[in-house]
Amino acid sequence: MNRKHLKRLVSKRLNQSKTEADLTNFRKILTKITVETALNAKLDEHLGYSRHEQSQQNNYYQSRRWSSLFRCAT
């Protein structure tokens, strides 16, 4: 989403706001979106891959746990 498009959306929403409560709700929504975006970016940076991608590493613990569960069930 580019900056012009975002400005148009915000401007349109602000013009529709009639009360202080409308503005407060809009501010809360913007804050929530901003914080979520920042936290997801930080998490992606920390993990080295984005949220819906799989890592390139094998998760030994997870595979070991599943194999032991299947051995006990048989």
C-alpha atoms as a PDB file:
ATOM      1  CA  MET A   1       0.000   0.000   0.000  1.00  0.00           C
ATOM      2  CA  ASN A   2       1.533   3.292  -1.001  1.00  0.00           C
ATOM      3  CA  ARG A   3       1.497   6.518   0.955  1.00  0.00           C
ATOM      4  CA  LYS A   4      -1.079   8.324  -1.253  1.00  0.00           C
ATOM      5  CA  HIS A   5      -3.553   5.468  -0.949  1.00  0.00           C
ATOM      6  CA  LEU A   6      -3.114   5.343   2.818  1.00  0.00           C
ATOM      7  CA  LYS A   7      -3.634   9.108   3.133  1.00  0.00           C
ATOM      8  CA  ARG A   8      -6.823   8.867   1.061  1.00  0.00           C
ATOM      9  CA  LEU A   9      -8.187   6.084   3.283  1.00  0.00           C
ATOM     10  CA  VAL A  10      -7.399   7.968   6.488  1.00  0.00           C
ATOM     11  CA  SER A  11      -8.855  11.196   5.125  1.00  0.00           C
ATOM     12  CA  LYS A  12     -12.053   9.439   4.050  1.00  0.00           C
ATOM     13  CA  ARG A  13     -12.433   7.785   7.452  1.00  0.00           C
ATOM     14  CA  LEU A  14     -11.804  11.037   9.324  1.00  0.00           C
ATOM     15  CA  ASN A  15     -14.417  12.838   7.234  1.00  0.00           C
ATOM     16  CA  GLN A  16     -16.947  10.168   8.204  1.00  0.00           C
ATOM     17  CA  SER A  17     -16.202  10.595  11.920  1.00  0.00           C
ATOM     18  CA  LYS A  18     -18.908  12.564  13.700  1.00  0.00           C
ATOM     19  CA  THR A  19     -18.075  12.284  17.384  1.00  0.00           C
ATOM     20  CA  GLU A  20     -15.066  12.143  19.637  1.00  0.00           C
ATOM     21  CA  ALA A  21     -15.782   8.449  20.234  1.00  0.00           C
ATOM     22  CA  ASP A  22     -15.461   7.806  16.486  1.00  0.00           C
ATOM     23  CA  LEU A  23     -12.040   9.459  16.479  1.00  0.00           C
ATOM     24  CA  THR A  24     -10.982   7.513  19.567  1.00  0.00           C
ATOM     25  CA  ASN A  25     -12.008   4.208  17.986  1.00  0.00           C
ATOM     26  CA  PHE A  26     -10.171   5.119  14.790  1.00  0.00           C
ATOM     27  CA  ARG A  27      -7.036   5.984  16.786  1.00  0.00           C
ATOM     28  CA  LYS A  28      -7.237   2.636  18.582  1.00  0.00           C
ATOM     29  CA  ILE A  29      -7.517   0.776  15.285  1.00  0.00           C
ATOM     30  CA  LEU A  30      -4.516   2.620  13.829  1.00  0.00           C
ATOM     31  CA  THR A  31      -2.477   1.968  16.972  1.00  0.00           C
ATOM     32  CA  LYS A  32      -3.355  -1.734  16.917  1.00  0.00           C
ATOM     33  CA  ILE A  33      -2.390  -2.081  13.250  1.00  0.00           C
ATOM     34  CA  THR A  34       0.877  -0.217  13.800  1.00  0.00           C
ATOM     35  CA  VAL A  35       1.898  -2.266  16.841  1.00  0.00           C
ATOM     36  CA  GLU A  36       0.975  -5.591  15.205  1.00  0.00           C
ATOM     37  CA  THR A  37       2.943  -4.717  12.079  1.00  0.00           C
ATOM     38  CA  ALA A  38       6.000  -3.713  14.110  1.00  0.00           C
ATOM     39  CA  LEU A  39       5.858  -6.847  16.271  1.00  0.00           C
ATOM     40  CA  ASN A  40       5.446  -9.140  13.251  1.00  0.00           C
ATOM     41  CA  ALA A  41       8.424  -7.485  11.550  1.00  0.00           C
ATOM     42  CA  LYS A  42      10.509  -7.908  14.692  1.00  0.00           C
ATOM     43  CA  LEU A  43       9.473 -11.572  14.983  1.00  0.00           C
ATOM     44  CA  ASP A  44      10.321 -12.214  11.324  1.00  0.00           C
ATOM     45  CA  GLU A  45      13.723 -10.631  11.874  1.00  0.00           C
ATOM     46  CA  HIS A  46      14.330 -12.699  14.998  1.00  0.00           C
ATOM     47  CA  LEU A  47      13.268 -16.017  13.460  1.00  0.00           C
ATOM     48  CA  GLY A  48      14.856 -15.402  10.080  1.00  0.00           C
ATOM     49  CA  TYR A  49      11.705 -16.247   8.157  1.00  0.00           C
ATOM     50  CA  SER A  50       8.185 -14.850   7.907  1.00  0.00           C
ATOM     51  CA  ARG A  51       5.231 -16.078   9.891  1.00  0.00           C
ATOM     52  CA  HIS A  52       3.734 -18.490   7.354  1.00  0.00           C
ATOM     53  CA  GLU A  53       6.985 -19.879   5.968  1.00  0.00           C
ATOM     54  CA  GLN A  54       8.715 -22.930   7.377  1.00  0.00           C
ATOM     55  CA  SER A  55      12.236 -22.660   8.628  1.00  0.00           C
ATOM     56  CA  GLN A  56      15.050 -24.351   6.757  1.00  0.00           C
ATOM     57  CA  GLN A  57      16.128 -26.184   9.907  1.00  0.00           C
ATOM     58  CA  ASN A  58      14.795 -29.520  11.074  1.00  0.00           C
ATOM     59  CA  ASN A  59      13.063 -29.332  14.389  1.00  0.00           C
ATOM     60  CA  TYR A  60      14.634 -32.327  16.079  1.00  0.00           C
ATOM     61  CA  TYR A  61      12.581 -32.010  19.261  1.00  0.00           C
ATOM     62  CA  GLN A  62       9.270 -31.959  17.411  1.00  0.00           C
ATOM     63  CA  SER A  63      10.092 -34.931  15.176  1.00  0.00           C
ATOM     64  CA  ARG A  64      11.493 -36.894  18.116  1.00  0.00           C
ATOM     65  CA  ARG A  65       8.382 -36.249  20.180  1.00  0.00           C
ATOM     66  CA  TRP A  66       6.055 -37.412  17.403  1.00  0.00           C
ATOM     67  CA  SER A  67       8.029 -40.579  16.742  1.00  0.00           C
ATOM     68  CA  SER A  68       7.989 -41.489  20.432  1.00  0.00           C
ATOM     69  CA  LEU A  69       4.244 -40.909  20.581  1.00  0.00           C
ATOM     70  CA  PHE A  70       3.669 -43.283  17.697  1.00  0.00           C
ATOM     71  CA  ARG A  71       5.897 -45.947  19.240  1.00  0.00           C
ATOM     72  CA  CYS A  72       3.900 -45.870  22.495  1.00  0.00           C
ATOM     73  CA  ALA A  73       0.593 -46.142  20.659  1.00  0.00           C
ATOM     74  CA  THR A  74       1.476 -49.394  18.899  1.00  0.00           C
END
